[in-house]
Amino acid sequence: MRGFWATLAAIGMVAATTVPAKADVLTATPATINGAVIYTSPPPATAPPGVSPDVFYHADSKTYYLLTTANPPVQYTSADGISWTPTSVALPAGFDWSIVQEGPSSYRLYYAEVLPPAAGQGPPPPCTPGSKRLRYATSTDLMSWTVQPAVLLNDVGCGVPHVMKTREGRYFLYYNRKDPVHGVYVGTSTDGLTWAIGNALVANDPELVDPAPIEMPDGTFLMVGSTVGMGGVQELQLLSSTDAITWTKRSTDLYSAPGASVLDPSIELIDGQLRVWFGYAPGGSHDVSKITNGIIRLGTAKIAKGSKCKAKGAISGSLTCKSVKGKLVWS
């Protein structure tokens, strides 16, 4: 991996002095997300334009595939996940992509589609019920996509939906909606086509958008998301879960960039490293966003003993809040 970090340093993506000194902790818990660090920098001028990147790593060919939401949307390939070559692949008429592997040569591309306008009317305003619906396409080689006729869901809200398939073969859909409260909601499926939609707000956070989950080697789950950015710029968030439904959010931002929004992340675990890609939008303008990347290293955040906690049993870092002689302390 040192060659990868040397490449990042050479193109100005990350300083050589920030190379992690040890391998990632590969479990997602409240402790490890509290101690997480991200290594990243603003994108170079040659970075792909757009938002809502989805990166799929094909381990057999060691090829990265990047799909962006741009005008028009573009699919890229890369040998290192840093330098990208645009392809002539014809993507479906949609955006907000997520690729799921079904078999050795079988892939699904889930995407959002703007609802076609009714006769004599224009398209529905953004972020209104039914303005975006979920569809999918299939491929045998990741380079040609066949749109399937089915509409999987008639309403996937206003954020960036994402589909994850676990090693056990369960499917999870994460997407934003406004009803009953704005935030991220979870759908589940046994086949990735018929969905049961829940009404539990992820992390009880109405400001969370752009969910990008991943299953860790030990069966825990990590999610990178962003803030909605109301009245300001968007910032990356980090969450953990044991079941992919109930999530704990880190109390501080994973990454904020002065004067720029960081949004719409995508995450892959490659050779023991958590690689992340996201939009970097100076001034918060999605129109000038470019795709940048980095590495997340999970760790353990310590809290000084004696610092106050609010509830018995609370966890922060490697410490648990316990009752000692009638007082709540970290130990």
C-alpha atoms as a PDB file:
ATOM      1  CA  MET A   1       0.000   0.000   0.000  1.00  0.00           C
ATOM      2  CA  ARG A   2       2.950   2.364   0.340  1.00  0.00           C
ATOM      3  CA  GLY A   3       3.043   2.672  -3.461  1.00  0.00           C
ATOM      4  CA  PHE A   4      -0.573   3.897  -3.345  1.00  0.00           C
ATOM      5  CA  TRP A   5       0.262   6.499  -0.705  1.00  0.00           C
ATOM      6  CA  ALA A   6       3.329   7.616  -2.659  1.00  0.00           C
ATOM      7  CA  THR A   7       1.081   8.135  -5.679  1.00  0.00           C
ATOM      8  CA  LEU A   8      -1.355  10.191  -3.606  1.00  0.00           C
ATOM      9  CA  ALA A   9       1.488  12.330  -2.287  1.00  0.00           C
ATOM     10  CA  ALA A  10       2.982  12.770  -5.758  1.00  0.00           C
ATOM     11  CA  ILE A  11      -0.216  14.273  -7.173  1.00  0.00           C
ATOM     12  CA  GLY A  12      -0.875  16.405  -4.133  1.00  0.00           C
ATOM     13  CA  MET A  13      -3.757  14.358  -2.753  1.00  0.00           C
ATOM     14  CA  VAL A  14      -2.244  13.719   0.668  1.00  0.00           C
ATOM     15  CA  ALA A  15       0.984  14.569   2.424  1.00  0.00           C
ATOM     16  CA  ALA A  16       3.496  11.731   2.762  1.00  0.00           C
ATOM     17  CA  THR A  17       3.705  12.412   6.508  1.00  0.00           C
ATOM     18  CA  THR A  18       0.059  11.384   6.909  1.00  0.00           C
ATOM     19  CA  VAL A  19       0.616   7.777   5.800  1.00  0.00           C
ATOM     20  CA  PRO A  20      -1.042   5.579   8.459  1.00  0.00           C
ATOM     21  CA  ALA A  21       1.519   3.838  10.633  1.00  0.00           C
ATOM     22  CA  LYS A  22      -0.639   0.725  11.135  1.00  0.00           C
ATOM     23  CA  ALA A  23      -3.359  -1.223   9.402  1.00  0.00           C
ATOM     24  CA  ASP A  24      -7.012  -0.360   9.777  1.00  0.00           C
ATOM     25  CA  VAL A  25      -9.126  -1.767  12.556  1.00  0.00           C
ATOM     26  CA  LEU A  26     -11.702  -3.617  10.489  1.00  0.00           C
ATOM     27  CA  THR A  27     -14.725  -3.591  12.759  1.00  0.00           C
ATOM     28  CA  ALA A  28     -17.428  -0.928  12.899  1.00  0.00           C
ATOM     29  CA  THR A  29     -18.421  -0.036  16.462  1.00  0.00           C
ATOM     30  CA  PRO A  30     -19.163   3.198  18.329  1.00  0.00           C
ATOM     31  CA  ALA A  31     -15.583   3.019  19.626  1.00  0.00           C
ATOM     32  CA  THR A  32     -13.878   2.563  16.273  1.00  0.00           C
ATOM     33  CA  ILE A  33     -15.873   5.238  14.459  1.00  0.00           C
ATOM     34  CA  ASN A  34     -15.189   7.705  17.284  1.00  0.00           C
ATOM     35  CA  GLY A  35     -11.479   7.126  16.754  1.00  0.00           C
ATOM     36  CA  ALA A  36     -11.613   7.203  12.955  1.00  0.00           C
ATOM     37  CA  VAL A  37      -9.380   9.459  10.859  1.00  0.00           C
ATOM     38  CA  ILE A  38      -9.758  10.313   7.168  1.00  0.00           C
ATOM     39  CA  TYR A  39      -6.785  11.051   4.925  1.00  0.00           C
ATOM     40  CA  THR A  40      -7.841  13.177   1.973  1.00  0.00           C
ATOM     41  CA  SER A  41      -7.330  16.470   0.162  1.00  0.00           C
ATOM     42  CA  PRO A  42      -9.217  18.624  -2.363  1.00  0.00           C
ATOM     43  CA  PRO A  43      -9.354  17.133  -5.878  1.00  0.00           C
ATOM     44  CA  PRO A  44      -6.783  18.027  -8.553  1.00  0.00           C
ATOM     45  CA  ALA A  45      -7.863  19.895 -11.687  1.00  0.00           C
ATOM     46  CA  THR A  46      -7.974  16.606 -13.620  1.00  0.00           C
ATOM     47  CA  ALA A  47     -10.525  14.994 -11.272  1.00  0.00           C
ATOM     48  CA  PRO A  48     -13.831  13.856 -12.811  1.00  0.00           C
ATOM     49  CA  PRO A  49     -16.640  16.430 -12.502  1.00  0.00           C
ATOM     50  CA  GLY A  50     -19.941  15.605 -10.864  1.00  0.00           C
ATOM     51  CA  VAL A  51     -21.590  14.442  -7.668  1.00  0.00           C
ATOM     52  CA  SER A  52     -23.022  11.171  -6.349  1.00  0.00           C
ATOM     53  CA  PRO A  53     -20.074   8.962  -7.312  1.00  0.00           C
ATOM     54  CA  ASP A  54     -20.466   5.211  -7.059  1.00  0.00           C
ATOM     55  CA  VAL A  55     -17.249   3.201  -7.170  1.00  0.00           C
ATOM     56  CA  PHE A  56     -17.220  -0.548  -7.728  1.00  0.00           C
ATOM     57  CA  TYR A  57     -13.951  -2.457  -7.429  1.00  0.00           C
ATOM     58  CA  HIS A  58     -13.641  -5.623  -9.499  1.00  0.00           C
ATOM     59  CA  ALA A  59     -11.134  -7.685  -7.547  1.00  0.00           C
ATOM     60  CA  ASP A  60     -10.357 -10.260 -10.271  1.00  0.00           C
ATOM     61  CA  SER A  61      -9.314  -7.651 -12.842  1.00  0.00           C
ATOM     62  CA  LYS A  62      -8.161  -5.116 -10.212  1.00  0.00           C
ATOM     63  CA  THR A  63     -10.221  -2.478 -12.016  1.00  0.00           C
ATOM     64  CA  TYR A  64     -12.154   0.391 -10.474  1.00  0.00           C
ATOM     65  CA  TYR A  65     -15.406   1.510 -12.073  1.00  0.00           C
ATOM     66  CA  LEU A  66     -16.731   4.998 -11.306  1.00  0.00           C
ATOM     67  CA  LEU A  67     -20.178   6.274 -12.247  1.00  0.00           C
ATOM     68  CA  THR A  68     -20.965   9.922 -11.663  1.00  0.00           C
ATOM     69  CA  THR A  69     -24.051  12.085 -11.674  1.00  0.00           C
ATOM     70  CA  ALA A  70     -23.137  14.787 -14.152  1.00  0.00           C
ATOM     71  CA  ASN A  71     -24.613  16.233 -17.333  1.00  0.00           C
ATOM     72  CA  PRO A  72     -24.314  13.860 -19.077  1.00  0.00           C
ATOM     73  CA  PRO A  73     -23.525  11.068 -16.594  1.00  0.00           C
ATOM     74  CA  VAL A  74     -20.230   9.315 -17.295  1.00  0.00           C
ATOM     75  CA  GLN A  75     -18.714   5.936 -16.442  1.00  0.00           C
ATOM     76  CA  TYR A  76     -14.935   5.803 -15.863  1.00  0.00           C
ATOM     77  CA  THR A  77     -12.368   3.086 -15.263  1.00  0.00           C
ATOM     78  CA  SER A  78      -9.126   3.183 -13.301  1.00  0.00           C
ATOM     79  CA  ALA A  79      -6.243   0.939 -12.251  1.00  0.00           C
ATOM     80  CA  ASP A  80      -5.696   2.745  -8.937  1.00  0.00           C
ATOM     81  CA  GLY A  81      -8.924   4.542  -8.021  1.00  0.00           C
ATOM     82  CA  ILE A  82      -7.185   7.907  -8.401  1.00  0.00           C
ATOM     83  CA  SER A  83      -6.616   8.564 -12.119  1.00  0.00           C
ATOM     84  CA  TRP A  84      -9.751   7.989 -14.177  1.00  0.00           C
ATOM     85  CA  THR A  85     -10.342   7.332 -17.881  1.00  0.00           C
ATOM     86  CA  PRO A  86     -13.812   8.130 -19.261  1.00  0.00           C
ATOM     87  CA  THR A  87     -15.520   5.396 -21.276  1.00  0.00           C
ATOM     88  CA  SER A  88     -18.143   5.481 -24.006  1.00  0.00           C
ATOM     89  CA  VAL A  89     -20.530   3.310 -21.968  1.00  0.00           C
ATOM     90  CA  ALA A  90     -24.165   4.312 -22.467  1.00  0.00           C
ATOM     91  CA  LEU A  91     -25.699   4.675 -19.020  1.00  0.00           C
ATOM     92  CA  PRO A  92     -29.449   4.555 -18.336  1.00  0.00           C
ATOM     93  CA  ALA A  93     -31.361   7.841 -18.231  1.00  0.00           C
ATOM     94  CA  GLY A  94     -30.904   8.320 -14.511  1.00  0.00           C
ATOM     95  CA  PHE A  95     -28.499   9.178 -11.694  1.00  0.00           C
ATOM     96  CA  ASP A  96     -27.509   8.232  -8.113  1.00  0.00           C
ATOM     97  CA  TRP A  97     -25.988   4.889  -9.017  1.00  0.00           C
ATOM     98  CA  SER A  98     -25.179   1.794  -6.947  1.00  0.00           C
ATOM     99  CA  ILE A  99     -23.688  -1.395  -8.408  1.00  0.00           C
ATOM    100  CA  VAL A 100     -24.390  -4.784  -6.796  1.00  0.00           C
ATOM    101  CA  GLN A 101     -22.680  -7.997  -7.869  1.00  0.00           C
ATOM    102  CA  GLU A 102     -25.059 -10.933  -8.276  1.00  0.00           C
ATOM    103  CA  GLY A 103     -22.649 -13.587  -9.570  1.00  0.00           C
ATOM    104  CA  PRO A 104     -19.243 -14.031 -11.242  1.00  0.00           C
ATOM    105  CA  SER A 105     -20.477 -12.249 -14.386  1.00  0.00           C
ATOM    106  CA  SER A 106     -23.769 -10.762 -13.257  1.00  0.00           C
ATOM    107  CA  TYR A 107     -24.304  -7.215 -12.006  1.00  0.00           C
ATOM    108  CA  ARG A 108     -27.189  -4.914 -11.198  1.00  0.00           C
ATOM    109  CA  LEU A 109     -27.062  -1.160 -11.515  1.00  0.00           C
ATOM    110  CA  TYR A 110     -29.668   0.484  -9.295  1.00  0.00           C
ATOM    111  CA  TYR A 111     -30.444   4.095 -10.091  1.00  0.00           C
ATOM    112  CA  ALA A 112     -32.943   6.897  -9.567  1.00  0.00           C
ATOM    113  CA  GLU A 113     -35.119   8.163 -12.383  1.00  0.00           C
ATOM    114  CA  VAL A 114     -37.131  11.370 -12.495  1.00  0.00           C
ATOM    115  CA  LEU A 115     -40.807  10.560 -12.811  1.00  0.00           C
ATOM    116  CA  PRO A 116     -41.988  11.242 -16.375  1.00  0.00           C
ATOM    117  CA  PRO A 117     -44.362  14.229 -16.562  1.00  0.00           C
ATOM    118  CA  ALA A 118     -48.068  13.648 -16.898  1.00  0.00           C
ATOM    119  CA  ALA A 119     -49.666  14.534 -20.213  1.00  0.00           C
ATOM    120  CA  GLY A 120     -49.627  18.283 -20.712  1.00  0.00           C
ATOM    121  CA  GLN A 121     -47.600  18.884 -17.548  1.00  0.00           C
ATOM    122  CA  GLY A 122     -43.957  19.393 -16.682  1.00  0.00           C
ATOM    123  CA  PRO A 123     -41.958  17.090 -14.410  1.00  0.00           C
ATOM    124  CA  PRO A 124     -42.814  17.228 -10.688  1.00  0.00           C
ATOM    125  CA  PRO A 125     -40.766  19.664  -8.622  1.00  0.00           C
ATOM    126  CA  PRO A 126     -37.671  18.123  -6.976  1.00  0.00           C
ATOM    127  CA  CYS A 127     -38.131  16.559  -3.551  1.00  0.00           C
ATOM    128  CA  THR A 128     -41.887  16.173  -3.861  1.00  0.00           C
ATOM    129  CA  PRO A 129     -43.485  12.747  -3.314  1.00  0.00           C
ATOM    130  CA  GLY A 130     -43.000  10.605  -6.370  1.00  0.00           C
ATOM    131  CA  SER A 131     -40.476  12.892  -8.055  1.00  0.00           C
ATOM    132  CA  LYS A 132     -37.824  10.127  -8.100  1.00  0.00           C
ATOM    133  CA  ARG A 133     -38.345   6.407  -8.531  1.00  0.00           C
ATOM    134  CA  LEU A 134     -36.028   3.396  -8.297  1.00  0.00           C
ATOM    135  CA  ARG A 135     -35.110   1.332 -11.353  1.00  0.00           C
ATOM    136  CA  TYR A 136     -32.325  -1.017 -12.343  1.00  0.00           C
ATOM    137  CA  ALA A 137     -30.255  -2.272 -15.258  1.00  0.00           C
ATOM    138  CA  THR A 138     -28.193  -5.449 -15.670  1.00  0.00           C
ATOM    139  CA  SER A 139     -24.783  -6.295 -17.111  1.00  0.00           C
ATOM    140  CA  THR A 140     -22.424  -9.228 -17.584  1.00  0.00           C
ATOM    141  CA  ASP A 141     -19.256  -7.159 -17.972  1.00  0.00           C
ATOM    142  CA  LEU A 142     -19.795  -3.777 -16.223  1.00  0.00           C
ATOM    143  CA  MET A 143     -19.362  -2.091 -19.606  1.00  0.00           C
ATOM    144  CA  SER A 144     -22.808  -2.461 -21.174  1.00  0.00           C
ATOM    145  CA  TRP A 145     -26.059  -2.011 -19.283  1.00  0.00           C
ATOM    146  CA  THR A 146     -29.512  -3.311 -20.193  1.00  0.00           C
ATOM    147  CA  VAL A 147     -32.378  -1.363 -18.642  1.00  0.00           C
ATOM    148  CA  GLN A 148     -35.021  -3.584 -17.074  1.00  0.00           C
ATOM    149  CA  PRO A 149     -38.686  -2.587 -17.419  1.00  0.00           C
ATOM    150  CA  ALA A 150     -39.638  -2.884 -13.753  1.00  0.00           C
ATOM    151  CA  VAL A 151     -40.049   0.144 -11.504  1.00  0.00           C
ATOM    152  CA  LEU A 152     -38.923  -1.143  -8.115  1.00  0.00           C
ATOM    153  CA  LEU A 153     -40.205   1.754  -6.004  1.00  0.00           C
ATOM    154  CA  ASN A 154     -42.314   4.697  -7.094  1.00  0.00           C
ATOM    155  CA  ASP A 155     -40.847   7.109  -4.567  1.00  0.00           C
ATOM    156  CA  VAL A 156     -37.256   7.276  -3.293  1.00  0.00           C
ATOM    157  CA  GLY A 157     -37.418  10.759  -1.885  1.00  0.00           C
ATOM    158  CA  CYS A 158     -34.894  13.468  -2.623  1.00  0.00           C
ATOM    159  CA  GLY A 159     -31.477  12.274  -1.499  1.00  0.00           C
ATOM    160  CA  VAL A 160     -29.070   9.752  -2.989  1.00  0.00           C
ATOM    161  CA  PRO A 161     -30.437   6.195  -2.612  1.00  0.00           C
ATOM    162  CA  HIS A 162     -28.016   3.303  -2.212  1.00  0.00           C
ATOM    163  CA  VAL A 163     -28.491  -0.477  -2.379  1.00  0.00           C
ATOM    164  CA  MET A 164     -26.217  -2.867  -0.458  1.00  0.00           C
ATOM    165  CA  LYS A 165     -26.169  -6.664  -0.698  1.00  0.00           C
ATOM    166  CA  THR A 166     -24.723  -8.568   2.272  1.00  0.00           C
ATOM    167  CA  ARG A 167     -22.664 -11.755   2.133  1.00  0.00           C
ATOM    168  CA  GLU A 168     -25.752 -13.636   3.392  1.00  0.00           C
ATOM    169  CA  GLY A 169     -27.697 -12.429   0.343  1.00  0.00           C
ATOM    170  CA  ARG A 170     -29.897  -9.833   2.044  1.00  0.00           C
ATOM    171  CA  TYR A 171     -30.495  -6.493   0.356  1.00  0.00           C
ATOM    172  CA  PHE A 172     -30.764  -3.121   2.066  1.00  0.00           C
ATOM    173  CA  LEU A 173     -31.928   0.122   0.474  1.00  0.00           C
ATOM    174  CA  TYR A 174     -31.049   3.428   2.137  1.00  0.00           C
ATOM    175  CA  TYR A 175     -32.709   6.604   0.918  1.00  0.00           C
ATOM    176  CA  ASN A 176     -33.927  10.014   2.072  1.00  0.00           C
ATOM    177  CA  ARG A 177     -37.535  11.057   2.380  1.00  0.00           C
ATOM    178  CA  LYS A 178     -39.478  13.794   4.159  1.00  0.00           C
ATOM    179  CA  ASP A 179     -42.385  11.799   5.598  1.00  0.00           C
ATOM    180  CA  PRO A 180     -42.923  11.441   8.533  1.00  0.00           C
ATOM    181  CA  VAL A 181     -39.614  13.233   9.317  1.00  0.00           C
ATOM    182  CA  HIS A 182     -36.788  14.126   6.976  1.00  0.00           C
ATOM    183  CA  GLY A 183     -33.868  11.718   7.137  1.00  0.00           C
ATOM    184  CA  VAL A 184     -32.562   8.352   5.947  1.00  0.00           C
ATOM    185  CA  TYR A 185     -34.865   5.320   5.945  1.00  0.00           C
ATOM    186  CA  VAL A 186     -34.158   1.636   5.308  1.00  0.00           C
ATOM    187  CA  GLY A 187     -35.830  -0.860   3.006  1.00  0.00           C
ATOM    188  CA  THR A 188     -35.111  -4.601   3.075  1.00  0.00           C
ATOM    189  CA  SER A 189     -35.437  -7.331   0.464  1.00  0.00           C
ATOM    190  CA  THR A 190     -34.600 -10.986  -0.095  1.00  0.00           C
ATOM    191  CA  ASP A 191     -34.178 -10.630  -3.859  1.00  0.00           C
ATOM    192  CA  GLY A 192     -33.336  -6.964  -4.411  1.00  0.00           C
ATOM    193  CA  LEU A 193     -36.518  -6.433  -6.403  1.00  0.00           C
ATOM    194  CA  THR A 194     -39.423  -6.491  -3.943  1.00  0.00           C
ATOM    195  CA  TRP A 195     -38.895  -4.149  -1.008  1.00  0.00           C
ATOM    196  CA  ALA A 196     -40.330  -3.816   2.500  1.00  0.00           C
ATOM    197  CA  ILE A 197     -39.936  -0.230   3.660  1.00  0.00           C
ATOM    198  CA  GLY A 198     -39.424   0.691   7.310  1.00  0.00           C
ATOM    199  CA  ASN A 199     -40.340   3.887   9.118  1.00  0.00           C
ATOM    200  CA  ALA A 200     -37.441   4.107  11.574  1.00  0.00           C
ATOM    201  CA  LEU A 201     -35.236   7.177  11.084  1.00  0.00           C
ATOM    202  CA  VAL A 202     -31.580   6.142  10.791  1.00  0.00           C
ATOM    203  CA  ALA A 203     -29.620   7.352  13.849  1.00  0.00           C
ATOM    204  CA  ASN A 204     -32.638   9.530  14.702  1.00  0.00           C
ATOM    205  CA  ASP A 205     -30.937  12.238  12.634  1.00  0.00           C
ATOM    206  CA  PRO A 206     -33.107  14.426  10.365  1.00  0.00           C
ATOM    207  CA  GLU A 207     -29.988  16.077   8.895  1.00  0.00           C
ATOM    208  CA  LEU A 208     -28.379  12.880   7.545  1.00  0.00           C
ATOM    209  CA  VAL A 209     -28.306  12.375   3.751  1.00  0.00           C
ATOM    210  CA  ASP A 210     -26.312  10.505   1.086  1.00  0.00           C
ATOM    211  CA  PRO A 211     -25.958   7.107   2.815  1.00  0.00           C
ATOM    212  CA  ALA A 212     -23.109   4.842   1.657  1.00  0.00           C
ATOM    213  CA  PRO A 213     -22.980   1.586   3.680  1.00  0.00           C
ATOM    214  CA  ILE A 214     -20.535  -1.317   3.591  1.00  0.00           C
ATOM    215  CA  GLU A 215     -20.371  -4.701   5.329  1.00  0.00           C
ATOM    216  CA  MET A 216     -17.170  -5.221   7.299  1.00  0.00           C
ATOM    217  CA  PRO A 217     -15.253  -8.553   7.463  1.00  0.00           C
ATOM    218  CA  ASP A 218     -16.670  -9.363  10.910  1.00  0.00           C
ATOM    219  CA  GLY A 219     -20.292  -8.759   9.874  1.00  0.00           C
ATOM    220  CA  THR A 220     -20.619  -5.279  11.365  1.00  0.00           C
ATOM    221  CA  PHE A 221     -21.621  -2.387   9.113  1.00  0.00           C
ATOM    222  CA  LEU A 222     -20.081   1.019   8.429  1.00  0.00           C
ATOM    223  CA  MET A 223     -21.831   3.954   6.791  1.00  0.00           C
ATOM    224  CA  VAL A 224     -20.453   7.211   5.444  1.00  0.00           C
ATOM    225  CA  GLY A 225     -23.019   9.947   4.844  1.00  0.00           C
ATOM    226  CA  SER A 226     -23.179  13.712   4.788  1.00  0.00           C
ATOM    227  CA  THR A 227     -25.162  16.498   6.385  1.00  0.00           C
ATOM    228  CA  VAL A 228     -27.984  18.118   4.482  1.00  0.00           C
ATOM    229  CA  GLY A 229     -26.137  21.454   4.495  1.00  0.00           C
ATOM    230  CA  MET A 230     -29.081  23.697   5.291  1.00  0.00           C
ATOM    231  CA  GLY A 231     -27.731  27.240   5.515  1.00  0.00           C
ATOM    232  CA  GLY A 232     -24.152  26.130   4.958  1.00  0.00           C
ATOM    233  CA  VAL A 233     -21.908  23.482   3.476  1.00  0.00           C
ATOM    234  CA  GLN A 234     -22.213  19.710   3.747  1.00  0.00           C
ATOM    235  CA  GLU A 235     -19.884  17.573   5.883  1.00  0.00           C
ATOM    236  CA  LEU A 236     -19.109  13.859   5.940  1.00  0.00           C
ATOM    237  CA  GLN A 237     -20.554  11.741   8.757  1.00  0.00           C
ATOM    238  CA  LEU A 238     -19.683   8.249  10.036  1.00  0.00           C
ATOM    239  CA  LEU A 239     -21.993   5.585  11.505  1.00  0.00           C
ATOM    240  CA  SER A 240     -21.808   1.985  12.712  1.00  0.00           C
ATOM    241  CA  SER A 241     -24.326  -0.842  13.056  1.00  0.00           C
ATOM    242  CA  THR A 242     -24.535  -4.506  13.990  1.00  0.00           C
ATOM    243  CA  ASP A 243     -27.607  -5.289  11.883  1.00  0.00           C
ATOM    244  CA  ALA A 244     -27.622  -2.682   9.059  1.00  0.00           C
ATOM    245  CA  ILE A 245     -30.912  -1.245  10.375  1.00  0.00           C
ATOM    246  CA  THR A 246     -30.161   0.389  13.733  1.00  0.00           C
ATOM    247  CA  TRP A 247     -27.264   2.818  13.414  1.00  0.00           C
ATOM    248  CA  THR A 248     -25.091   4.816  15.828  1.00  0.00           C
ATOM    249  CA  LYS A 249     -23.674   8.091  14.489  1.00  0.00           C
ATOM    250  CA  ARG A 250     -20.384   9.582  15.523  1.00  0.00           C
ATOM    251  CA  SER A 251     -21.025  12.829  17.389  1.00  0.00           C
ATOM    252  CA  THR A 252     -18.454  14.837  15.401  1.00  0.00           C
ATOM    253  CA  ASP A 253     -17.999  15.253  11.655  1.00  0.00           C
ATOM    254  CA  LEU A 254     -15.685  12.797   9.947  1.00  0.00           C
ATOM    255  CA  TYR A 255     -14.558  15.490   7.505  1.00  0.00           C
ATOM    256  CA  SER A 256     -15.406  19.106   6.807  1.00  0.00           C
ATOM    257  CA  ALA A 257     -13.699  21.277   4.202  1.00  0.00           C
ATOM    258  CA  PRO A 258     -13.563  25.040   4.809  1.00  0.00           C
ATOM    259  CA  GLY A 259     -15.644  26.812   2.179  1.00  0.00           C
ATOM    260  CA  ALA A 260     -16.676  23.612   0.378  1.00  0.00           C
ATOM    261  CA  SER A 261     -19.328  20.937   0.610  1.00  0.00           C
ATOM    262  CA  VAL A 262     -18.218  17.304   0.861  1.00  0.00           C
ATOM    263  CA  LEU A 263     -21.068  15.009  -0.073  1.00  0.00           C
ATOM    264  CA  ASP A 264     -22.425  11.877  -1.750  1.00  0.00           C
ATOM    265  CA  PRO A 265     -19.765   9.397  -0.585  1.00  0.00           C
ATOM    266  CA  SER A 266     -19.021   5.937  -1.923  1.00  0.00           C
ATOM    267  CA  ILE A 267     -16.952   3.392   0.017  1.00  0.00           C
ATOM    268  CA  GLU A 268     -15.090   0.161  -0.750  1.00  0.00           C
ATOM    269  CA  LEU A 269     -12.867  -2.111   1.364  1.00  0.00           C
ATOM    270  CA  ILE A 270      -9.816  -2.948  -0.754  1.00  0.00           C
ATOM    271  CA  ASP A 271      -6.727  -4.806   0.459  1.00  0.00           C
ATOM    272  CA  GLY A 272      -7.548  -4.001   4.058  1.00  0.00           C
ATOM    273  CA  GLN A 273      -8.051  -0.279   3.418  1.00  0.00           C
ATOM    274  CA  LEU A 274     -11.341   1.612   3.541  1.00  0.00           C
ATOM    275  CA  ARG A 275     -11.270   3.688   0.357  1.00  0.00           C
ATOM    276  CA  VAL A 276     -13.811   6.507   0.033  1.00  0.00           C
ATOM    277  CA  TRP A 277     -14.800   8.751  -2.878  1.00  0.00           C
ATOM    278  CA  PHE A 278     -17.053  11.808  -2.652  1.00  0.00           C
ATOM    279  CA  GLY A 279     -18.027  15.086  -4.266  1.00  0.00           C
ATOM    280  CA  TYR A 280     -16.010  18.174  -3.349  1.00  0.00           C
ATOM    281  CA  ALA A 281     -18.009  21.320  -4.144  1.00  0.00           C
ATOM    282  CA  PRO A 282     -16.334  24.713  -3.556  1.00  0.00           C
ATOM    283  CA  GLY A 283     -18.795  27.235  -2.167  1.00  0.00           C
ATOM    284  CA  GLY A 284     -21.311  24.428  -1.752  1.00  0.00           C
ATOM    285  CA  SER A 285     -22.191  24.568  -5.459  1.00  0.00           C
ATOM    286  CA  HIS A 286     -22.849  21.134  -6.933  1.00  0.00           C
ATOM    287  CA  ASP A 287     -22.365  22.618 -10.413  1.00  0.00           C
ATOM    288  CA  VAL A 288     -18.593  22.869  -9.836  1.00  0.00           C
ATOM    289  CA  SER A 289     -18.185  19.672  -7.820  1.00  0.00           C
ATOM    290  CA  LYS A 290     -15.366  17.251  -8.619  1.00  0.00           C
ATOM    291  CA  ILE A 291     -14.761  13.732  -7.341  1.00  0.00           C
ATOM    292  CA  THR A 292     -11.988  13.282  -4.809  1.00  0.00           C
ATOM    293  CA  ASN A 293     -10.932  10.328  -2.678  1.00  0.00           C
ATOM    294  CA  GLY A 294      -9.256   9.304   0.528  1.00  0.00           C
ATOM    295  CA  ILE A 295      -8.762   6.543   3.071  1.00  0.00           C
ATOM    296  CA  ILE A 296     -10.551   6.082   6.388  1.00  0.00           C
ATOM    297  CA  ARG A 297      -8.624   4.486   9.228  1.00  0.00           C
ATOM    298  CA  LEU A 298     -10.785   3.272  12.081  1.00  0.00           C
ATOM    299  CA  GLY A 299      -9.355   3.425  15.585  1.00  0.00           C
ATOM    300  CA  THR A 300     -10.182   3.742  19.267  1.00  0.00           C
ATOM    301  CA  ALA A 301     -10.899   7.141  20.803  1.00  0.00           C
ATOM    302  CA  LYS A 302      -9.913   7.485  24.450  1.00  0.00           C
ATOM    303  CA  ILE A 303     -11.714   9.764  26.886  1.00  0.00           C
ATOM    304  CA  ALA A 304     -10.007  11.062  29.990  1.00  0.00           C
ATOM    305  CA  LYS A 305     -11.195   9.290  33.117  1.00  0.00           C
ATOM    306  CA  GLY A 306     -13.206  11.543  35.332  1.00  0.00           C
ATOM    307  CA  SER A 307     -14.865  13.413  32.480  1.00  0.00           C
ATOM    308  CA  LYS A 308     -18.626  13.558  32.900  1.00  0.00           C
ATOM    309  CA  CYS A 309     -21.101  11.435  31.018  1.00  0.00           C
ATOM    310  CA  LYS A 310     -24.839  11.774  30.791  1.00  0.00           C
ATOM    311  CA  ALA A 311     -26.060   8.196  31.027  1.00  0.00           C
ATOM    312  CA  LYS A 312     -24.961   4.961  32.614  1.00  0.00           C
ATOM    313  CA  GLY A 313     -23.790   2.498  30.003  1.00  0.00           C
ATOM    314  CA  ALA A 314     -22.839   5.175  27.434  1.00  0.00           C
ATOM    315  CA  ILE A 315     -19.852   4.213  25.268  1.00  0.00           C
ATOM    316  CA  SER A 316     -17.147   6.478  23.884  1.00  0.00           C
ATOM    317  CA  GLY A 317     -13.940   5.129  22.505  1.00  0.00           C
ATOM    318  CA  SER A 318     -12.801   2.149  24.549  1.00  0.00           C
ATOM    319  CA  LEU A 319     -14.443   3.361  27.756  1.00  0.00           C
ATOM    320  CA  THR A 320     -17.889   2.756  29.227  1.00  0.00           C
ATOM    321  CA  CYS A 321     -19.694   5.098  31.581  1.00  0.00           C
ATOM    322  CA  LYS A 322     -20.337   3.302  34.871  1.00  0.00           C
ATOM    323  CA  SER A 323     -21.690   4.155  38.294  1.00  0.00           C
ATOM    324  CA  VAL A 324     -18.871   4.371  40.840  1.00  0.00           C
ATOM    325  CA  LYS A 325     -19.741   5.382  44.382  1.00  0.00           C
ATOM    326  CA  GLY A 326     -22.897   7.091  43.209  1.00  0.00           C
ATOM    327  CA  LYS A 327     -21.190   9.009  40.404  1.00  0.00           C
ATOM    328  CA  LEU A 328     -21.086   8.376  36.646  1.00  0.00           C
ATOM    329  CA  VAL A 329     -17.499   8.027  35.439  1.00  0.00           C
ATOM    330  CA  TRP A 330     -15.670   6.581  32.432  1.00  0.00           C
ATOM    331  CA  SER A 331     -13.794   3.331  33.109  1.00  0.00           C
END
